[in-house]
Amino acid sequence: NCIIIDDDKLSIRVLEEFISKTECLNLVGSFYSAVKAINYLN
């Protein structure tokens, strides 16, 4: 299980595409803010 934390929308889209092609990864969330990511990880 993995998440992305990046404030750049283009970078997130690129990573989401890479992750979708990688069978061993399961994307559970993308966050534009590190603060929101911390709340999720808690």
Full PDB file with SEQRES, HELIX, SHEET, SSBOND, CRYST1, ORIGX, SCALE, CONECT and MASTER records, all heavy atoms in Angstrom:
SEQRES   1 A   42  ASN CYS ILE ILE ILE ASP ASP ASP LYS LEU SER ILE ARG          
SEQRES   2 A   42  VAL LEU GLU GLU PHE ILE SER LYS THR GLU CYS LEU ASN          
SEQRES   3 A   42  LEU VAL GLY SER PHE TYR SER ALA VAL LYS ALA ILE ASN          
SEQRES   4 A   42  TYR LEU ASN                                                  
HELIX    1 AA1 LYS A    9  SER A   20  1                                  12    
HELIX    2 AA2 ALA A   34  LEU A   41  1                                   8    
SHEET    1 AA1 2 CYS A   2  ILE A   5  0                                        
SHEET    2 AA1 2 LEU A  27  PHE A  31  1                                        
CRYST1    1.000    1.000    1.000  90.00  90.00  90.00 P 1           1          
ORIGX1      1.000000  0.000000  0.000000        0.00000                         
ORIGX2      0.000000  1.000000  0.000000        0.00000                         
ORIGX3      0.000000  0.000000  1.000000        0.00000                         
SCALE1      1.000000  0.000000  0.000000        0.00000                         
SCALE2      0.000000  1.000000  0.000000        0.00000                         
SCALE3      0.000000  0.000000  1.000000        0.00000                         
ATOM      1  N   ASN A   1       0.837  -1.192   0.000  1.00  0.00           N  
ATOM      2  CA  ASN A   1       0.000   0.000   0.000  1.00  0.00           C  
ATOM      3  C   ASN A   1       0.879   1.251   0.000  1.00  0.00           C  
ATOM      4  O   ASN A   1       1.852   1.332   0.758  1.00  0.00           O  
ATOM      5  CB  ASN A   1      -0.913   0.024   1.217  1.00  0.00           C  
ATOM      6  CG  ASN A   1      -2.016  -1.005   1.128  1.00  0.00           C  
ATOM      7  OD1 ASN A   1      -2.366  -1.458   0.044  1.00  0.00           O  
ATOM      8  ND2 ASN A   1      -2.579  -1.375   2.260  1.00  0.00           N  
ATOM      9  N   CYS A   2       0.536   2.225  -0.834  1.00  0.00           N  
ATOM     10  CA  CYS A   2       1.359   3.424  -0.928  1.00  0.00           C  
ATOM     11  C   CYS A   2       0.488   4.665  -1.061  1.00  0.00           C  
ATOM     12  O   CYS A   2      -0.692   4.582  -1.414  1.00  0.00           O  
ATOM     13  CB  CYS A   2       2.322   3.328  -2.116  1.00  0.00           C  
ATOM     14  SG  CYS A   2       1.515   3.196  -3.727  1.00  0.00           S  
ATOM     15  N   ILE A   3       1.086   5.830  -0.760  1.00  0.00           N  
ATOM     16  CA  ILE A   3       0.430   7.114  -0.968  1.00  0.00           C  
ATOM     17  C   ILE A   3       1.411   8.060  -1.655  1.00  0.00           C  
ATOM     18  O   ILE A   3       2.626   7.840  -1.643  1.00  0.00           O  
ATOM     19  CB  ILE A   3      -0.087   7.751   0.343  1.00  0.00           C  
ATOM     20  CG1 ILE A   3       1.073   8.089   1.276  1.00  0.00           C  
ATOM     21  CG2 ILE A   3      -1.096   6.860   1.028  1.00  0.00           C  
ATOM     22  CD1 ILE A   3       0.657   8.901   2.503  1.00  0.00           C  
ATOM     23  N   ILE A   4       0.856   9.116  -2.258  1.00  0.00           N  
ATOM     24  CA  ILE A   4       1.652  10.172  -2.887  1.00  0.00           C  
ATOM     25  C   ILE A   4       1.405  11.472  -2.129  1.00  0.00           C  
ATOM     26  O   ILE A   4       0.258  11.797  -1.803  1.00  0.00           O  
ATOM     27  CB  ILE A   4       1.248  10.376  -4.359  1.00  0.00           C  
ATOM     28  CG1 ILE A   4       1.434   9.093  -5.160  1.00  0.00           C  
ATOM     29  CG2 ILE A   4       2.052  11.512  -4.993  1.00  0.00           C  
ATOM     30  CD1 ILE A   4       0.784   9.151  -6.552  1.00  0.00           C  
ATOM     31  N   ILE A   5       2.493  12.210  -1.839  1.00  0.00           N  
ATOM     32  CA  ILE A   5       2.362  13.541  -1.228  1.00  0.00           C  
ATOM     33  C   ILE A   5       3.147  14.514  -2.084  1.00  0.00           C  
ATOM     34  O   ILE A   5       4.387  14.470  -2.125  1.00  0.00           O  
ATOM     35  CB  ILE A   5       2.887  13.568   0.222  1.00  0.00           C  
ATOM     36  CG1 ILE A   5       2.267  12.450   1.069  1.00  0.00           C  
ATOM     37  CG2 ILE A   5       2.606  14.921   0.860  1.00  0.00           C  
ATOM     38  CD1 ILE A   5       2.865  12.332   2.460  1.00  0.00           C  
ATOM     39  N   ASP A   6       2.450  15.387  -2.783  1.00  0.00           N  
ATOM     40  CA  ASP A   6       3.097  16.331  -3.699  1.00  0.00           C  
ATOM     41  C   ASP A   6       2.092  17.439  -3.999  1.00  0.00           C  
ATOM     42  O   ASP A   6       0.920  17.160  -4.272  1.00  0.00           O  
ATOM     43  CB  ASP A   6       3.514  15.613  -4.985  1.00  0.00           C  
ATOM     44  CG  ASP A   6       4.536  16.408  -5.801  1.00  0.00           C  
ATOM     45  OD1 ASP A   6       4.443  17.655  -5.820  1.00  0.00           O  
ATOM     46  OD2 ASP A   6       5.403  15.780  -6.424  1.00  0.00           O  
ATOM     47  N   ASP A   7       2.559  18.680  -3.963  1.00  0.00           N  
ATOM     48  CA  ASP A   7       1.644  19.784  -4.238  1.00  0.00           C  
ATOM     49  C   ASP A   7       1.512  20.088  -5.728  1.00  0.00           C  
ATOM     50  O   ASP A   7       0.731  20.960  -6.116  1.00  0.00           O  
ATOM     51  CB  ASP A   7       2.090  21.045  -3.488  1.00  0.00           C  
ATOM     52  CG  ASP A   7       3.444  21.563  -3.969  1.00  0.00           C  
ATOM     53  OD1 ASP A   7       4.335  20.722  -4.212  1.00  0.00           O  
ATOM     54  OD2 ASP A   7       3.604  22.792  -4.101  1.00  0.00           O  
ATOM     55  N   ASP A   8       2.265  19.364  -6.565  1.00  0.00           N  
ATOM     56  CA  ASP A   8       2.214  19.579  -8.003  1.00  0.00           C  
ATOM     57  C   ASP A   8       1.295  18.542  -8.657  1.00  0.00           C  
ATOM     58  O   ASP A   8       1.569  17.333  -8.599  1.00  0.00           O  
ATOM     59  CB  ASP A   8       3.624  19.484  -8.596  1.00  0.00           C  
ATOM     60  CG  ASP A   8       3.639  19.767 -10.077  1.00  0.00           C  
ATOM     61  OD1 ASP A   8       3.477  20.922 -10.476  1.00  0.00           O  
ATOM     62  OD2 ASP A   8       3.786  18.794 -10.853  1.00  0.00           O  
ATOM     63  N   LYS A   9       0.201  19.011  -9.272  1.00  0.00           N  
ATOM     64  CA  LYS A   9      -0.791  18.100  -9.834  1.00  0.00           C  
ATOM     65  C   LYS A   9      -0.221  17.241 -10.962  1.00  0.00           C  
ATOM     66  O   LYS A   9      -0.563  16.058 -11.083  1.00  0.00           O  
ATOM     67  CB  LYS A   9      -2.002  18.887 -10.334  1.00  0.00           C  
ATOM     68  CG  LYS A   9      -2.805  19.540  -9.219  1.00  0.00           C  
ATOM     69  CD  LYS A   9      -4.023  20.268  -9.769  1.00  0.00           C  
ATOM     70  CE  LYS A   9      -4.833  20.896  -8.644  1.00  0.00           C  
ATOM     71  NZ  LYS A   9      -6.038  21.607  -9.155  1.00  0.00           N  
ATOM     72  N   LEU A  10       0.647  17.815 -11.789  1.00  0.00           N  
ATOM     73  CA  LEU A  10       1.237  17.055 -12.891  1.00  0.00           C  
ATOM     74  C   LEU A  10       2.107  15.920 -12.363  1.00  0.00           C  
ATOM     75  O   LEU A  10       2.045  14.795 -12.861  1.00  0.00           O  
ATOM     76  CB  LEU A  10       2.053  17.978 -13.795  1.00  0.00           C  
ATOM     77  CG  LEU A  10       2.766  17.289 -14.975  1.00  0.00           C  
ATOM     78  CD1 LEU A  10       1.752  16.593 -15.878  1.00  0.00           C  
ATOM     79  CD2 LEU A  10       3.603  18.308 -15.760  1.00  0.00           C  
ATOM     80  N   SER A  11       2.904  16.207 -11.341  1.00  0.00           N  
ATOM     81  CA  SER A  11       3.754  15.170 -10.743  1.00  0.00           C  
ATOM     82  C   SER A  11       2.908  14.034 -10.172  1.00  0.00           C  
ATOM     83  O   SER A  11       3.250  12.860 -10.303  1.00  0.00           O  
ATOM     84  CB  SER A  11       4.632  15.769  -9.639  1.00  0.00           C  
ATOM     85  OG  SER A  11       5.556  16.673 -10.166  1.00  0.00           O  
ATOM     86  N   ILE A  12       1.814  14.382  -9.535  1.00  0.00           N  
ATOM     87  CA  ILE A  12       0.926  13.363  -8.987  1.00  0.00           C  
ATOM     88  C   ILE A  12       0.339  12.505 -10.094  1.00  0.00           C  
ATOM     89  O   ILE A  12       0.289  11.267  -9.977  1.00  0.00           O  
ATOM     90  CB  ILE A  12      -0.196  14.016  -8.148  1.00  0.00           C  
ATOM     91  CG1 ILE A  12       0.374  14.463  -6.796  1.00  0.00           C  
ATOM     92  CG2 ILE A  12      -1.359  13.033  -7.925  1.00  0.00           C  
ATOM     93  CD1 ILE A  12      -0.657  14.986  -5.829  1.00  0.00           C  
ATOM     94  N   ARG A  13      -0.063  13.125 -11.190  1.00  0.00           N  
ATOM     95  CA  ARG A  13      -0.638  12.350 -12.299  1.00  0.00           C  
ATOM     96  C   ARG A  13       0.386  11.377 -12.881  1.00  0.00           C  
ATOM     97  O   ARG A  13       0.059  10.240 -13.206  1.00  0.00           O  
ATOM     98  CB  ARG A  13      -1.160  13.287 -13.389  1.00  0.00           C  
ATOM     99  CG  ARG A  13      -2.473  13.954 -13.045  1.00  0.00           C  
ATOM    100  CD  ARG A  13      -3.211  14.430 -14.292  1.00  0.00           C  
ATOM    101  NE  ARG A  13      -2.440  15.415 -15.038  1.00  0.00           N  
ATOM    102  CZ  ARG A  13      -2.525  16.725 -14.847  1.00  0.00           C  
ATOM    103  NH1 ARG A  13      -3.336  17.211 -13.918  1.00  0.00           N  
ATOM    104  NH2 ARG A  13      -1.806  17.550 -15.573  1.00  0.00           N  
ATOM    105  N   VAL A  14       1.637  11.824 -13.008  1.00  0.00           N  
ATOM    106  CA  VAL A  14       2.696  10.950 -13.523  1.00  0.00           C  
ATOM    107  C   VAL A  14       2.919   9.762 -12.590  1.00  0.00           C  
ATOM    108  O   VAL A  14       2.988   8.604 -13.025  1.00  0.00           O  
ATOM    109  CB  VAL A  14       4.011  11.737 -13.701  1.00  0.00           C  
ATOM    110  CG1 VAL A  14       5.164  10.795 -14.012  1.00  0.00           C  
ATOM    111  CG2 VAL A  14       3.868  12.769 -14.821  1.00  0.00           C  
ATOM    112  N   LEU A  15       2.999  10.039 -11.297  1.00  0.00           N  
ATOM    113  CA  LEU A  15       3.206   8.958 -10.320  1.00  0.00           C  
ATOM    114  C   LEU A  15       2.020   8.000 -10.300  1.00  0.00           C  
ATOM    115  O   LEU A  15       2.197   6.777 -10.197  1.00  0.00           O  
ATOM    116  CB  LEU A  15       3.444   9.535  -8.929  1.00  0.00           C  
ATOM    117  CG  LEU A  15       4.833  10.104  -8.665  1.00  0.00           C  
ATOM    118  CD1 LEU A  15       4.892  10.763  -7.301  1.00  0.00           C  
ATOM    119  CD2 LEU A  15       5.896   9.022  -8.776  1.00  0.00           C  
ATOM    120  N   GLU A  16       0.821   8.536 -10.377  1.00  0.00           N  
ATOM    121  CA  GLU A  16      -0.368   7.674 -10.390  1.00  0.00           C  
ATOM    122  C   GLU A  16      -0.346   6.738 -11.600  1.00  0.00           C  
ATOM    123  O   GLU A  16      -0.714   5.558 -11.488  1.00  0.00           O  
ATOM    124  CB  GLU A  16      -1.634   8.535 -10.405  1.00  0.00           C  
ATOM    125  CG  GLU A  16      -1.917   9.202  -9.071  1.00  0.00           C  
ATOM    126  CD  GLU A  16      -3.116  10.130  -9.121  1.00  0.00           C  
ATOM    127  OE1 GLU A  16      -3.510  10.539 -10.241  1.00  0.00           O  
ATOM    128  OE2 GLU A  16      -3.664  10.464  -8.043  1.00  0.00           O  
ATOM    129  N   GLU A  17       0.114   7.242 -12.736  1.00  0.00           N  
ATOM    130  CA  GLU A  17       0.212   6.391 -13.924  1.00  0.00           C  
ATOM    131  C   GLU A  17       1.274   5.318 -13.734  1.00  0.00           C  
ATOM    132  O   GLU A  17       1.061   4.150 -14.078  1.00  0.00           O  
ATOM    133  CB  GLU A  17       0.550   7.249 -15.150  1.00  0.00           C  
ATOM    134  CG  GLU A  17       0.632   6.444 -16.439  1.00  0.00           C  
ATOM    135  CD  GLU A  17       0.996   7.298 -17.641  1.00  0.00           C  
ATOM    136  OE1 GLU A  17       0.996   8.538 -17.516  1.00  0.00           O  
ATOM    137  OE2 GLU A  17       1.312   6.721 -18.703  1.00  0.00           O  
ATOM    138  N   PHE A  18       2.436   5.687 -13.178  1.00  0.00           N  
ATOM    139  CA  PHE A  18       3.502   4.708 -12.924  1.00  0.00           C  
ATOM    140  C   PHE A  18       3.021   3.618 -11.965  1.00  0.00           C  
ATOM    141  O   PHE A  18       3.265   2.426 -12.176  1.00  0.00           O  
ATOM    142  CB  PHE A  18       4.727   5.403 -12.325  1.00  0.00           C  
ATOM    143  CG  PHE A  18       5.546   6.216 -13.304  1.00  0.00           C  
ATOM    144  CD1 PHE A  18       6.605   6.999 -12.864  1.00  0.00           C  
ATOM    145  CD2 PHE A  18       5.261   6.201 -14.661  1.00  0.00           C  
ATOM    146  CE1 PHE A  18       7.359   7.747 -13.745  1.00  0.00           C  
ATOM    147  CE2 PHE A  18       6.008   6.945 -15.562  1.00  0.00           C  
ATOM    148  CZ  PHE A  18       7.063   7.726 -15.101  1.00  0.00           C  
ATOM    149  N   ILE A  19       2.341   4.030 -10.905  1.00  0.00           N  
ATOM    150  CA  ILE A  19       1.866   3.076  -9.900  1.00  0.00           C  
ATOM    151  C   ILE A  19       0.827   2.133 -10.493  1.00  0.00           C  
ATOM    152  O   ILE A  19       0.819   0.932 -10.199  1.00  0.00           O  
ATOM    153  CB  ILE A  19       1.300   3.823  -8.676  1.00  0.00           C  
ATOM    154  CG1 ILE A  19       2.431   4.531  -7.925  1.00  0.00           C  
ATOM    155  CG2 ILE A  19       0.564   2.863  -7.728  1.00  0.00           C  
ATOM    156  CD1 ILE A  19       1.958   5.509  -6.867  1.00  0.00           C  
ATOM    157  N   SER A  20      -0.032   2.658 -11.353  1.00  0.00           N  
ATOM    158  CA  SER A  20      -1.077   1.820 -11.966  1.00  0.00           C  
ATOM    159  C   SER A  20      -0.480   0.722 -12.843  1.00  0.00           C  
ATOM    160  O   SER A  20      -1.096  -0.317 -13.044  1.00  0.00           O  
ATOM    161  CB  SER A  20      -2.033   2.684 -12.796  1.00  0.00           C  
ATOM    162  OG  SER A  20      -1.398   3.185 -13.962  1.00  0.00           O  
ATOM    163  N   LYS A  21       0.732   0.937 -13.348  1.00  0.00           N  
ATOM    164  CA  LYS A  21       1.406  -0.056 -14.192  1.00  0.00           C  
ATOM    165  C   LYS A  21       2.235  -1.044 -13.384  1.00  0.00           C  
ATOM    166  O   LYS A  21       2.799  -1.985 -13.943  1.00  0.00           O  
ATOM    167  CB  LYS A  21       2.314   0.637 -15.219  1.00  0.00           C  
ATOM    168  CG  LYS A  21       1.593   1.490 -16.223  1.00  0.00           C  
ATOM    169  CD  LYS A  21       2.494   1.873 -17.393  1.00  0.00           C  
ATOM    170  CE  LYS A  21       3.630   2.762 -16.975  1.00  0.00           C  
ATOM    171  NZ  LYS A  21       4.406   3.249 -18.153  1.00  0.00           N  
ATOM    172  N   THR A  22       2.309  -0.826 -12.076  1.00  0.00           N  
ATOM    173  CA  THR A  22       3.185  -1.635 -11.225  1.00  0.00           C  
ATOM    174  C   THR A  22       2.332  -2.521 -10.324  1.00  0.00           C  
ATOM    175  O   THR A  22       1.727  -2.049  -9.353  1.00  0.00           O  
ATOM    176  CB  THR A  22       4.096  -0.718 -10.378  1.00  0.00           C  
ATOM    177  OG1 THR A  22       4.732   0.228 -11.239  1.00  0.00           O  
ATOM    178  CG2 THR A  22       5.156  -1.542  -9.652  1.00  0.00           C  
ATOM    179  N   GLU A  23       2.263  -3.814 -10.639  1.00  0.00           N  
ATOM    180  CA  GLU A  23       1.325  -4.722  -9.969  1.00  0.00           C  
ATOM    181  C   GLU A  23       1.566  -4.861  -8.473  1.00  0.00           C  
ATOM    182  O   GLU A  23       0.642  -5.137  -7.719  1.00  0.00           O  
ATOM    183  CB  GLU A  23       1.376  -6.103 -10.629  1.00  0.00           C  
ATOM    184  CG  GLU A  23       0.820  -6.116 -12.046  1.00  0.00           C  
ATOM    185  CD  GLU A  23       0.782  -7.516 -12.628  1.00  0.00           C  
ATOM    186  OE1 GLU A  23       1.274  -8.449 -11.952  1.00  0.00           O  
ATOM    187  OE2 GLU A  23       0.275  -7.673 -13.748  1.00  0.00           O  
ATOM    188  N   CYS A  24       2.800  -4.683  -8.046  1.00  0.00           N  
ATOM    189  CA  CYS A  24       3.098  -4.882  -6.622  1.00  0.00           C  
ATOM    190  C   CYS A  24       2.709  -3.682  -5.764  1.00  0.00           C  
ATOM    191  O   CYS A  24       2.863  -3.723  -4.540  1.00  0.00           O  
ATOM    192  CB  CYS A  24       4.581  -5.200  -6.432  1.00  0.00           C  
ATOM    193  SG  CYS A  24       5.687  -3.906  -7.044  1.00  0.00           S  
ATOM    194  N   LEU A  25       2.211  -2.600  -6.370  1.00  0.00           N  
ATOM    195  CA  LEU A  25       1.829  -1.408  -5.624  1.00  0.00           C  
ATOM    196  C   LEU A  25       0.315  -1.205  -5.648  1.00  0.00           C  
ATOM    197  O   LEU A  25      -0.332  -1.460  -6.664  1.00  0.00           O  
ATOM    198  CB  LEU A  25       2.506  -0.164  -6.205  1.00  0.00           C  
ATOM    199  CG  LEU A  25       4.022  -0.095  -6.112  1.00  0.00           C  
ATOM    200  CD1 LEU A  25       4.532   1.188  -6.759  1.00  0.00           C  
ATOM    201  CD2 LEU A  25       4.503  -0.188  -4.678  1.00  0.00           C  
ATOM    202  N   ASN A  26      -0.211  -0.728  -4.529  1.00  0.00           N  
ATOM    203  CA  ASN A  26      -1.631  -0.413  -4.414  1.00  0.00           C  
ATOM    204  C   ASN A  26      -1.758   1.007  -3.873  1.00  0.00           C  
ATOM    205  O   ASN A  26      -1.475   1.270  -2.707  1.00  0.00           O  
ATOM    206  CB  ASN A  26      -2.321  -1.405  -3.473  1.00  0.00           C  
ATOM    207  CG  ASN A  26      -3.785  -1.055  -3.256  1.00  0.00           C  
ATOM    208  OD1 ASN A  26      -4.486  -0.693  -4.192  1.00  0.00           O  
ATOM    209  ND2 ASN A  26      -4.239  -1.155  -2.014  1.00  0.00           N  
ATOM    210  N   LEU A  27      -2.158   1.941  -4.747  1.00  0.00           N  
ATOM    211  CA  LEU A  27      -2.281   3.340  -4.342  1.00  0.00           C  
ATOM    212  C   LEU A  27      -3.564   3.534  -3.532  1.00  0.00           C  
ATOM    213  O   LEU A  27      -4.662   3.283  -4.018  1.00  0.00           O  
ATOM    214  CB  LEU A  27      -2.304   4.241  -5.577  1.00  0.00           C  
ATOM    215  CG  LEU A  27      -2.390   5.747  -5.307  1.00  0.00           C  
ATOM    216  CD1 LEU A  27      -1.157   6.236  -4.562  1.00  0.00           C  
ATOM    217  CD2 LEU A  27      -2.573   6.514  -6.613  1.00  0.00           C  
ATOM    218  N   VAL A  28      -3.408   4.011  -2.293  1.00  0.00           N  
ATOM    219  CA  VAL A  28      -4.576   4.212  -1.425  1.00  0.00           C  
ATOM    220  C   VAL A  28      -4.887   5.680  -1.197  1.00  0.00           C  
ATOM    221  O   VAL A  28      -5.895   6.003  -0.563  1.00  0.00           O  
ATOM    222  CB  VAL A  28      -4.388   3.497  -0.067  1.00  0.00           C  
ATOM    223  CG1 VAL A  28      -4.315   1.992  -0.257  1.00  0.00           C  
ATOM    224  CG2 VAL A  28      -3.143   4.005   0.668  1.00  0.00           C  
ATOM    225  N   GLY A  29      -4.039   6.587  -1.724  1.00  0.00           N  
ATOM    226  CA  GLY A  29      -4.345   8.007  -1.555  1.00  0.00           C  
ATOM    227  C   GLY A  29      -3.305   8.911  -2.184  1.00  0.00           C  
ATOM    228  O   GLY A  29      -2.117   8.584  -2.209  1.00  0.00           O  
ATOM    229  N   SER A  30      -3.764  10.054  -2.718  1.00  0.00           N  
ATOM    230  CA  SER A  30      -2.880  11.101  -3.231  1.00  0.00           C  
ATOM    231  C   SER A  30      -3.218  12.391  -2.496  1.00  0.00           C  
ATOM    232  O   SER A  30      -4.393  12.757  -2.384  1.00  0.00           O  
ATOM    233  CB  SER A  30      -3.079  11.289  -4.745  1.00  0.00           C  
ATOM    234  OG  SER A  30      -2.712  10.134  -5.462  1.00  0.00           O  
ATOM    235  N   PHE A  31      -2.178  13.084  -2.004  1.00  0.00           N  
ATOM    236  CA  PHE A  31      -2.405  14.262  -1.176  1.00  0.00           C  
ATOM    237  C   PHE A  31      -1.567  15.431  -1.680  1.00  0.00           C  
ATOM    238  O   PHE A  31      -0.383  15.289  -1.954  1.00  0.00           O  
ATOM    239  CB  PHE A  31      -2.031  13.968   0.287  1.00  0.00           C  
ATOM    240  CG  PHE A  31      -2.804  12.818   0.882  1.00  0.00           C  
ATOM    241  CD1 PHE A  31      -2.312  11.521   0.815  1.00  0.00           C  
ATOM    242  CD2 PHE A  31      -4.025  13.041   1.487  1.00  0.00           C  
ATOM    243  CE1 PHE A  31      -3.024  10.462   1.348  1.00  0.00           C  
ATOM    244  CE2 PHE A  31      -4.746  11.982   2.031  1.00  0.00           C  
ATOM    245  CZ  PHE A  31      -4.249  10.688   1.956  1.00  0.00           C  
ATOM    246  N   TYR A  32      -2.209  16.599  -1.796  1.00  0.00           N  
ATOM    247  CA  TYR A  32      -1.508  17.816  -2.181  1.00  0.00           C  
ATOM    248  C   TYR A  32      -0.903  18.510  -0.971  1.00  0.00           C  
ATOM    249  O   TYR A  32      -0.161  19.464  -1.114  1.00  0.00           O  
ATOM    250  CB  TYR A  32      -2.469  18.769  -2.888  1.00  0.00           C  
ATOM    251  CG  TYR A  32      -3.036  18.215  -4.174  1.00  0.00           C  
ATOM    252  CD1 TYR A  32      -4.374  17.870  -4.277  1.00  0.00           C  
ATOM    253  CD2 TYR A  32      -2.219  18.016  -5.283  1.00  0.00           C  
ATOM    254  CE1 TYR A  32      -4.893  17.358  -5.457  1.00  0.00           C  
ATOM    255  CE2 TYR A  32      -2.725  17.495  -6.468  1.00  0.00           C  
ATOM    256  CZ  TYR A  32      -4.067  17.167  -6.540  1.00  0.00           C  
ATOM    257  OH  TYR A  32      -4.566  16.647  -7.705  1.00  0.00           O  
ATOM    258  N   SER A  33      -1.210  18.020   0.220  1.00  0.00           N  
ATOM    259  CA  SER A  33      -0.740  18.635   1.464  1.00  0.00           C  
ATOM    260  C   SER A  33      -0.189  17.562   2.401  1.00  0.00           C  
ATOM    261  O   SER A  33      -0.819  16.522   2.612  1.00  0.00           O  
ATOM    262  CB  SER A  33      -1.895  19.372   2.156  1.00  0.00           C  
ATOM    263  OG  SER A  33      -1.627  19.606   3.516  1.00  0.00           O  
ATOM    264  N   ALA A  34       0.995  17.820   2.972  1.00  0.00           N  
ATOM    265  CA  ALA A  34       1.588  16.884   3.929  1.00  0.00           C  
ATOM    266  C   ALA A  34       0.749  16.800   5.200  1.00  0.00           C  
ATOM    267  O   ALA A  34       0.681  15.754   5.841  1.00  0.00           O  
ATOM    268  CB  ALA A  34       3.014  17.324   4.266  1.00  0.00           C  
ATOM    269  N   VAL A  35       0.086  17.915   5.555  1.00  0.00           N  
ATOM    270  CA  VAL A  35      -0.753  17.932   6.758  1.00  0.00           C  
ATOM    271  C   VAL A  35      -1.920  16.955   6.596  1.00  0.00           C  
ATOM    272  O   VAL A  35      -2.234  16.169   7.502  1.00  0.00           O  
ATOM    273  CB  VAL A  35      -1.274  19.355   7.035  1.00  0.00           C  
ATOM    274  CG1 VAL A  35      -2.258  19.340   8.206  1.00  0.00           C  
ATOM    275  CG2 VAL A  35      -0.108  20.292   7.317  1.00  0.00           C  
ATOM    276  N   LYS A  36      -2.575  16.973   5.435  1.00  0.00           N  
ATOM    277  CA  LYS A  36      -3.675  16.056   5.192  1.00  0.00           C  
ATOM    278  C   LYS A  36      -3.187  14.605   5.171  1.00  0.00           C  
ATOM    279  O   LYS A  36      -3.893  13.700   5.631  1.00  0.00           O  
ATOM    280  CB  LYS A  36      -4.366  16.399   3.878  1.00  0.00           C  
ATOM    281  CG  LYS A  36      -5.139  17.710   3.916  1.00  0.00           C  
ATOM    282  CD  LYS A  36      -5.844  17.985   2.601  1.00  0.00           C  
ATOM    283  CE  LYS A  36      -6.637  19.279   2.671  1.00  0.00           C  
ATOM    284  NZ  LYS A  36      -7.315  19.584   1.380  1.00  0.00           N  
ATOM    285  N   ALA A  37      -1.990  14.403   4.672  1.00  0.00           N  
ATOM    286  CA  ALA A  37      -1.430  13.044   4.642  1.00  0.00           C  
ATOM    287  C   ALA A  37      -1.184  12.522   6.054  1.00  0.00           C  
ATOM    288  O   ALA A  37      -1.437  11.348   6.348  1.00  0.00           O  
ATOM    289  CB  ALA A  37      -0.126  13.032   3.841  1.00  0.00           C  
ATOM    290  N   ILE A  38      -0.715  13.386   6.940  1.00  0.00           N  
ATOM    291  CA  ILE A  38      -0.493  12.977   8.334  1.00  0.00           C  
ATOM    292  C   ILE A  38      -1.807  12.563   8.981  1.00  0.00           C  
ATOM    293  O   ILE A  38      -1.872  11.546   9.692  1.00  0.00           O  
ATOM    294  CB  ILE A  38       0.175  14.118   9.132  1.00  0.00           C  
ATOM    295  CG1 ILE A  38       1.634  14.271   8.706  1.00  0.00           C  
ATOM    296  CG2 ILE A  38       0.097  13.847  10.630  1.00  0.00           C  
ATOM    297  CD1 ILE A  38       2.342  15.425   9.358  1.00  0.00           C  
ATOM    298  N   ASN A  39      -2.851  13.334   8.750  1.00  0.00           N  
ATOM    299  CA  ASN A  39      -4.162  12.977   9.310  1.00  0.00           C  
ATOM    300  C   ASN A  39      -4.613  11.612   8.807  1.00  0.00           C  
ATOM    301  O   ASN A  39      -5.200  10.822   9.564  1.00  0.00           O  
ATOM    302  CB  ASN A  39      -5.193  14.046   8.933  1.00  0.00           C  
ATOM    303  CG  ASN A  39      -4.922  15.376   9.611  1.00  0.00           C  
ATOM    304  OD1 ASN A  39      -4.328  15.415  10.692  1.00  0.00           O  
ATOM    305  ND2 ASN A  39      -5.345  16.470   8.987  1.00  0.00           N  
ATOM    306  N   TYR A  40      -4.336  11.330   7.540  1.00  0.00           N  
ATOM    307  CA  TYR A  40      -4.712  10.020   6.984  1.00  0.00           C  
ATOM    308  C   TYR A  40      -3.880   8.906   7.612  1.00  0.00           C  
ATOM    309  O   TYR A  40      -4.416   7.854   8.004  1.00  0.00           O  
ATOM    310  CB  TYR A  40      -4.514  10.024   5.470  1.00  0.00           C  
ATOM    311  CG  TYR A  40      -4.794   8.690   4.821  1.00  0.00           C  
ATOM    312  CD1 TYR A  40      -6.090   8.318   4.478  1.00  0.00           C  
ATOM    313  CD2 TYR A  40      -3.766   7.784   4.564  1.00  0.00           C  
ATOM    314  CE1 TYR A  40      -6.358   7.086   3.889  1.00  0.00           C  
ATOM    315  CE2 TYR A  40      -4.014   6.555   3.975  1.00  0.00           C  
ATOM    316  CZ  TYR A  40      -5.313   6.214   3.641  1.00  0.00           C  
ATOM    317  OH  TYR A  40      -5.569   4.994   3.070  1.00  0.00           O  
ATOM    318  N   LEU A  41      -2.579   9.120   7.737  1.00  0.00           N  
ATOM    319  CA  LEU A  41      -1.695   8.088   8.287  1.00  0.00           C  
ATOM    320  C   LEU A  41      -2.002   7.790   9.743  1.00  0.00           C  
ATOM    321  O   LEU A  41      -1.763   6.679  10.218  1.00  0.00           O  
ATOM    322  CB  LEU A  41      -0.230   8.512   8.128  1.00  0.00           C  
ATOM    323  CG  LEU A  41       0.299   8.538   6.692  1.00  0.00           C  
ATOM    324  CD1 LEU A  41       1.671   9.201   6.636  1.00  0.00           C  
ATOM    325  CD2 LEU A  41       0.383   7.123   6.118  1.00  0.00           C  
ATOM    326  N   ASN A  42      -2.501   8.750  10.473  1.00  0.00           N  
ATOM    327  CA  ASN A  42      -2.884   8.520  11.870  1.00  0.00           C  
ATOM    328  C   ASN A  42      -4.073   7.563  11.990  1.00  0.00           C  
ATOM    329  O   ASN A  42      -4.304   6.977  13.047  1.00  0.00           O  
ATOM    330  CB  ASN A  42      -3.227   9.843  12.557  1.00  0.00           C  
ATOM    331  CG  ASN A  42      -1.993  10.669  12.857  1.00  0.00           C  
ATOM    332  OD1 ASN A  42      -0.897  10.120  13.008  1.00  0.00           O  
ATOM    333  ND2 ASN A  42      -2.148  11.984  12.946  1.00  0.00           N  
TER     334      ASN A  42                                                      
MASTER        0    0    0    2    2    0    0    6  333    1    0    4          
END                                                                             
